[in-house]
Amino acid sequence: MRAMLKSELATAAGVSRKTLMKWLKDPYIQEQMARYPLSAHQKKLPGSLIKIICEHYVIDFD
């Protein structure tokens, strides 16, 4: 899966960016994100993390 912006992921999931940010605070997702060197305000997420998020929240790309 390719890297993408948080806003792109929110659009693909059909939710607002604010809702996506709440989803990213889920303990499981936080545990997965800890494995990556991300800054607090990073807008683009790596593809492998996008895949984990999509599997967890059952987000399907057309």
PDB file of N, CA and C in Angstrom:
ATOM      1  N   MET A   1       0.845  -1.162   0.000  1.00  0.00           N
ATOM      2  CA  MET A   1       0.000   0.000   0.000  1.00  0.00           C
ATOM      3  C   MET A   1       0.898   1.235   0.000  1.00  0.00           C
ATOM      4  N   ARG A   2       0.444   2.292  -0.641  1.00  0.00           N
ATOM      5  CA  ARG A   2       1.259   3.508  -0.759  1.00  0.00           C
ATOM      6  C   ARG A   2       1.067   4.418   0.453  1.00  0.00           C
ATOM      7  N   ALA A   3       2.045   5.260   0.682  1.00  0.00           N
ATOM      8  CA  ALA A   3       1.932   6.274   1.737  1.00  0.00           C
ATOM      9  C   ALA A   3       0.856   7.269   1.331  1.00  0.00           C
ATOM     10  N   MET A   4       0.158   7.811   2.309  1.00  0.00           N
ATOM     11  CA  MET A   4      -0.877   8.790   1.988  1.00  0.00           C
ATOM     12  C   MET A   4      -1.082   9.775   3.120  1.00  0.00           C
ATOM     13  N   LEU A   5      -1.703  10.886   2.760  1.00  0.00           N
ATOM     14  CA  LEU A   5      -2.022  11.910   3.742  1.00  0.00           C
ATOM     15  C   LEU A   5      -3.163  11.439   4.630  1.00  0.00           C
ATOM     16  N   LYS A   6      -3.195  11.947   5.848  1.00  0.00           N
ATOM     17  CA  LYS A   6      -4.283  11.612   6.767  1.00  0.00           C
ATOM     18  C   LYS A   6      -5.623  12.045   6.179  1.00  0.00           C
ATOM     19  N   SER A   7      -5.642  13.175   5.502  1.00  0.00           N
ATOM     20  CA  SER A   7      -6.886  13.662   4.897  1.00  0.00           C
ATOM     21  C   SER A   7      -7.366  12.725   3.788  1.00  0.00           C
ATOM     22  N   GLU A   8      -6.435  12.144   3.017  1.00  0.00           N
ATOM     23  CA  GLU A   8      -6.800  11.176   1.981  1.00  0.00           C
ATOM     24  C   GLU A   8      -7.395   9.913   2.606  1.00  0.00           C
ATOM     25  N   LEU A   9      -6.795   9.479   3.694  1.00  0.00           N
ATOM     26  CA  LEU A   9      -7.291   8.297   4.387  1.00  0.00           C
ATOM     27  C   LEU A   9      -8.682   8.546   4.954  1.00  0.00           C
ATOM     28  N   ALA A  10      -8.893   9.723   5.524  1.00  0.00           N
ATOM     29  CA  ALA A  10     -10.207  10.075   6.066  1.00  0.00           C
ATOM     30  C   ALA A  10     -11.257  10.077   4.956  1.00  0.00           C
ATOM     31  N   THR A  11     -10.931  10.638   3.812  1.00  0.00           N
ATOM     32  CA  THR A  11     -11.852  10.672   2.675  1.00  0.00           C
ATOM     33  C   THR A  11     -12.176   9.253   2.212  1.00  0.00           C
ATOM     34  N   ALA A  12     -11.167   8.398   2.134  1.00  0.00           N
ATOM     35  CA  ALA A  12     -11.373   7.010   1.721  1.00  0.00           C
ATOM     36  C   ALA A  12     -12.263   6.260   2.712  1.00  0.00           C
ATOM     37  N   ALA A  13     -12.154   6.612   3.995  1.00  0.00           N
ATOM     38  CA  ALA A  13     -12.954   5.952   5.030  1.00  0.00           C
ATOM     39  C   ALA A  13     -14.355   6.548   5.122  1.00  0.00           C
ATOM     40  N   GLY A  14     -14.555   7.711   4.490  1.00  0.00           N
ATOM     41  CA  GLY A  14     -15.859   8.361   4.534  1.00  0.00           C
ATOM     42  C   GLY A  14     -16.136   9.079   5.839  1.00  0.00           C
ATOM     43  N   VAL A  15     -15.066   9.531   6.497  1.00  0.00           N
ATOM     44  CA  VAL A  15     -15.203  10.250   7.767  1.00  0.00           C
ATOM     45  C   VAL A  15     -14.435  11.565   7.681  1.00  0.00           C
ATOM     46  N   SER A  16     -14.658  12.435   8.649  1.00  0.00           N
ATOM     47  CA  SER A  16     -13.908  13.689   8.699  1.00  0.00           C
ATOM     48  C   SER A  16     -12.493  13.421   9.218  1.00  0.00           C
ATOM     49  N   ARG A  17     -11.614  14.382   8.984  1.00  0.00           N
ATOM     50  CA  ARG A  17     -10.250  14.244   9.478  1.00  0.00           C
ATOM     51  C   ARG A  17     -10.241  14.214  11.006  1.00  0.00           C
ATOM     52  N   LYS A  18     -11.157  14.945  11.613  1.00  0.00           N
ATOM     53  CA  LYS A  18     -11.269  14.966  13.075  1.00  0.00           C
ATOM     54  C   LYS A  18     -11.615  13.577  13.609  1.00  0.00           C
ATOM     55  N   THR A  19     -12.529  12.876  12.952  1.00  0.00           N
ATOM     56  CA  THR A  19     -12.901  11.513  13.357  1.00  0.00           C
ATOM     57  C   THR A  19     -11.721  10.568  13.172  1.00  0.00           C
ATOM     58  N   LEU A  20     -11.006  10.715  12.064  1.00  0.00           N
ATOM     59  CA  LEU A  20      -9.827   9.877  11.836  1.00  0.00           C
ATOM     60  C   LEU A  20      -8.812  10.078  12.947  1.00  0.00           C
ATOM     61  N   MET A  21      -8.632  11.316  13.387  1.00  0.00           N
ATOM     62  CA  MET A  21      -7.681  11.588  14.454  1.00  0.00           C
ATOM     63  C   MET A  21      -8.092  10.878  15.751  1.00  0.00           C
ATOM     64  N   LYS A  22      -9.392  10.787  16.009  1.00  0.00           N
ATOM     65  CA  LYS A  22      -9.871  10.043  17.175  1.00  0.00           C
ATOM     66  C   LYS A  22      -9.574   8.562  17.017  1.00  0.00           C
ATOM     67  N   TRP A  23      -9.763   8.049  15.798  1.00  0.00           N
ATOM     68  CA  TRP A  23      -9.471   6.639  15.536  1.00  0.00           C
ATOM     69  C   TRP A  23      -7.990   6.341  15.778  1.00  0.00           C
ATOM     70  N   LEU A  24      -7.125   7.271  15.420  1.00  0.00           N
ATOM     71  CA  LEU A  24      -5.683   7.056  15.574  1.00  0.00           C
ATOM     72  C   LEU A  24      -5.252   7.035  17.033  1.00  0.00           C
ATOM     73  N   LYS A  25      -6.129   7.439  17.935  1.00  0.00           N
ATOM     74  CA  LYS A  25      -5.832   7.401  19.377  1.00  0.00           C
ATOM     75  C   LYS A  25      -6.203   6.060  20.006  1.00  0.00           C
ATOM     76  N   ASP A  26      -6.751   5.143  19.213  1.00  0.00           N
ATOM     77  CA  ASP A  26      -7.080   3.798  19.682  1.00  0.00           C
ATOM     78  C   ASP A  26      -5.789   3.141  20.198  1.00  0.00           C
ATOM     79  N   PRO A  27      -5.838   2.457  21.346  1.00  0.00           N
ATOM     80  CA  PRO A  27      -4.624   1.851  21.909  1.00  0.00           C
ATOM     81  C   PRO A  27      -3.884   0.910  20.949  1.00  0.00           C
ATOM     82  N   TYR A  28      -4.609   0.113  20.195  1.00  0.00           N
ATOM     83  CA  TYR A  28      -3.966  -0.797  19.246  1.00  0.00           C
ATOM     84  C   TYR A  28      -3.224  -0.011  18.169  1.00  0.00           C
ATOM     85  N   ILE A  29      -3.871   1.023  17.634  1.00  0.00           N
ATOM     86  CA  ILE A  29      -3.251   1.827  16.590  1.00  0.00           C
ATOM     87  C   ILE A  29      -2.054   2.589  17.164  1.00  0.00           C
ATOM     88  N   GLN A  30      -2.179   3.093  18.383  1.00  0.00           N
ATOM     89  CA  GLN A  30      -1.059   3.789  19.028  1.00  0.00           C
ATOM     90  C   GLN A  30       0.145   2.856  19.183  1.00  0.00           C
ATOM     91  N   GLU A  31      -0.120   1.611  19.535  1.00  0.00           N
ATOM     92  CA  GLU A  31       0.948   0.617  19.675  1.00  0.00           C
ATOM     93  C   GLU A  31       1.647   0.396  18.335  1.00  0.00           C
ATOM     94  N   GLN A  32       0.874   0.312  17.267  1.00  0.00           N
ATOM     95  CA  GLN A  32       1.441   0.113  15.935  1.00  0.00           C
ATOM     96  C   GLN A  32       2.207   1.349  15.471  1.00  0.00           C
ATOM     97  N   MET A  33       1.686   2.529  15.765  1.00  0.00           N
ATOM     98  CA  MET A  33       2.338   3.770  15.356  1.00  0.00           C
ATOM     99  C   MET A  33       3.658   3.984  16.086  1.00  0.00           C
ATOM    100  N   ALA A  34       3.771   3.435  17.282  1.00  0.00           N
ATOM    101  CA  ALA A  34       5.001   3.591  18.070  1.00  0.00           C
ATOM    102  C   ALA A  34       6.199   2.932  17.391  1.00  0.00           C
ATOM    103  N   ARG A  35       5.936   2.022  16.493  1.00  0.00           N
ATOM    104  CA  ARG A  35       7.014   1.321  15.779  1.00  0.00           C
ATOM    105  C   ARG A  35       7.638   2.164  14.674  1.00  0.00           C
ATOM    106  N   TYR A  36       7.017   3.297  14.357  1.00  0.00           N
ATOM    107  CA  TYR A  36       7.475   4.159  13.272  1.00  0.00           C
ATOM    108  C   TYR A  36       8.003   5.473  13.833  1.00  0.00           C
ATOM    109  N   PRO A  37       9.034   6.028  13.206  1.00  0.00           N
ATOM    110  CA  PRO A  37       9.560   7.325  13.665  1.00  0.00           C
ATOM    111  C   PRO A  37       8.699   8.467  13.110  1.00  0.00           C
ATOM    112  N   LEU A  38       7.556   8.712  13.735  1.00  0.00           N
ATOM    113  CA  LEU A  38       6.633   9.742  13.277  1.00  0.00           C
ATOM    114  C   LEU A  38       6.695  10.959  14.186  1.00  0.00           C
ATOM    115  N   SER A  39       6.562  12.142  13.592  1.00  0.00           N
ATOM    116  CA  SER A  39       6.477  13.345  14.409  1.00  0.00           C
ATOM    117  C   SER A  39       5.015  13.532  14.823  1.00  0.00           C
ATOM    118  N   ALA A  40       4.782  14.354  15.806  1.00  0.00           N
ATOM    119  CA  ALA A  40       3.435  14.561  16.340  1.00  0.00           C
ATOM    120  C   ALA A  40       2.490  15.183  15.318  1.00  0.00           C
ATOM    121  N   HIS A  41       3.031  15.958  14.396  1.00  0.00           N
ATOM    122  CA  HIS A  41       2.182  16.669  13.440  1.00  0.00           C
ATOM    123  C   HIS A  41       2.369  16.180  12.005  1.00  0.00           C
ATOM    124  N   GLN A  42       2.864  14.977  11.856  1.00  0.00           N
ATOM    125  CA  GLN A  42       3.109  14.434  10.525  1.00  0.00           C
ATOM    126  C   GLN A  42       1.798  14.235   9.774  1.00  0.00           C
ATOM    127  N   LYS A  43       1.741  14.707   8.537  1.00  0.00           N
ATOM    128  CA  LYS A  43       0.519  14.610   7.743  1.00  0.00           C
ATOM    129  C   LYS A  43       0.485  13.353   6.880  1.00  0.00           C
ATOM    130  N   LYS A  44       1.653  12.869   6.481  1.00  0.00           N
ATOM    131  CA  LYS A  44       1.723  11.705   5.606  1.00  0.00           C
ATOM    132  C   LYS A  44       2.156  10.481   6.409  1.00  0.00           C
ATOM    133  N   LEU A  45       1.400   9.402   6.259  1.00  0.00           N
ATOM    134  CA  LEU A  45       1.694   8.167   6.977  1.00  0.00           C
ATOM    135  C   LEU A  45       2.275   7.132   6.025  1.00  0.00           C
ATOM    136  N   PRO A  46       3.204   6.303   6.501  1.00  0.00           N
ATOM    137  CA  PRO A  46       3.803   5.282   5.636  1.00  0.00           C
ATOM    138  C   PRO A  46       2.780   4.226   5.221  1.00  0.00           C
ATOM    139  N   GLY A  47       3.011   3.632   4.055  1.00  0.00           N
ATOM    140  CA  GLY A  47       2.095   2.653   3.485  1.00  0.00           C
ATOM    141  C   GLY A  47       1.826   1.456   4.378  1.00  0.00           C
ATOM    142  N   SER A  48       2.843   0.965   5.062  1.00  0.00           N
ATOM    143  CA  SER A  48       2.644  -0.199   5.929  1.00  0.00           C
ATOM    144  C   SER A  48       1.715   0.140   7.103  1.00  0.00           C
ATOM    145  N   LEU A  49       1.784   1.365   7.603  1.00  0.00           N
ATOM    146  CA  LEU A  49       0.890   1.794   8.678  1.00  0.00           C
ATOM    147  C   LEU A  49      -0.528   2.011   8.136  1.00  0.00           C
ATOM    148  N   ILE A  50      -0.639   2.536   6.933  1.00  0.00           N
ATOM    149  CA  ILE A  50      -1.947   2.704   6.290  1.00  0.00           C
ATOM    150  C   ILE A  50      -2.624   1.343   6.166  1.00  0.00           C
ATOM    151  N   LYS A  51      -1.857   0.336   5.794  1.00  0.00           N
ATOM    152  CA  LYS A  51      -2.409  -1.021   5.647  1.00  0.00           C
ATOM    153  C   LYS A  51      -2.958  -1.519   6.988  1.00  0.00           C
ATOM    154  N   ILE A  52      -2.227  -1.308   8.070  1.00  0.00           N
ATOM    155  CA  ILE A  52      -2.657  -1.739   9.405  1.00  0.00           C
ATOM    156  C   ILE A  52      -3.952  -1.026   9.797  1.00  0.00           C
ATOM    157  N   ILE A  53      -4.002   0.283   9.566  1.00  0.00           N
ATOM    158  CA  ILE A  53      -5.193   1.067   9.906  1.00  0.00           C
ATOM    159  C   ILE A  53      -6.393   0.595   9.095  1.00  0.00           C
ATOM    160  N   CYS A  54      -6.175   0.366   7.805  1.00  0.00           N
ATOM    161  CA  CYS A  54      -7.269  -0.082   6.929  1.00  0.00           C
ATOM    162  C   CYS A  54      -7.790  -1.455   7.340  1.00  0.00           C
ATOM    163  N   GLU A  55      -6.906  -2.341   7.727  1.00  0.00           N
ATOM    164  CA  GLU A  55      -7.333  -3.670   8.181  1.00  0.00           C
ATOM    165  C   GLU A  55      -8.097  -3.566   9.497  1.00  0.00           C
ATOM    166  N   HIS A  56      -7.639  -2.714  10.403  1.00  0.00           N
ATOM    167  CA  HIS A  56      -8.268  -2.577  11.716  1.00  0.00           C
ATOM    168  C   HIS A  56      -9.670  -1.983  11.604  1.00  0.00           C
ATOM    169  N   TYR A  57      -9.818  -0.970  10.758  1.00  0.00           N
ATOM    170  CA  TYR A  57     -11.109  -0.283  10.622  1.00  0.00           C
ATOM    171  C   TYR A  57     -11.902  -0.717   9.383  1.00  0.00           C
ATOM    172  N   VAL A  58     -11.420  -1.744   8.702  1.00  0.00           N
ATOM    173  CA  VAL A  58     -12.076  -2.307   7.514  1.00  0.00           C
ATOM    174  C   VAL A  58     -12.387  -1.196   6.491  1.00  0.00           C
ATOM    175  N   ILE A  59     -11.338  -0.500   6.097  1.00  0.00           N
ATOM    176  CA  ILE A  59     -11.439   0.543   5.074  1.00  0.00           C
ATOM    177  C   ILE A  59     -11.022  -0.095   3.763  1.00  0.00           C
ATOM    178  N   ASP A  60     -11.879   0.004   2.771  1.00  0.00           N
ATOM    179  CA  ASP A  60     -11.623  -0.608   1.468  1.00  0.00           C
ATOM    180  C   ASP A  60     -11.464   0.472   0.418  1.00  0.00           C
ATOM    181  N   PHE A  61     -10.386   0.384  -0.347  1.00  0.00           N
ATOM    182  CA  PHE A  61     -10.168   1.335  -1.445  1.00  0.00           C
ATOM    183  C   PHE A  61     -10.730   0.731  -2.723  1.00  0.00           C
ATOM    184  N   ASP A  62     -11.465   1.549  -3.472  1.00  0.00           N
ATOM    185  CA  ASP A  62     -12.038   1.073  -4.734  1.00  0.00           C
ATOM    186  C   ASP A  62     -11.012   1.042  -5.835  1.00  0.00           C
TER     187      ASP A  62
END
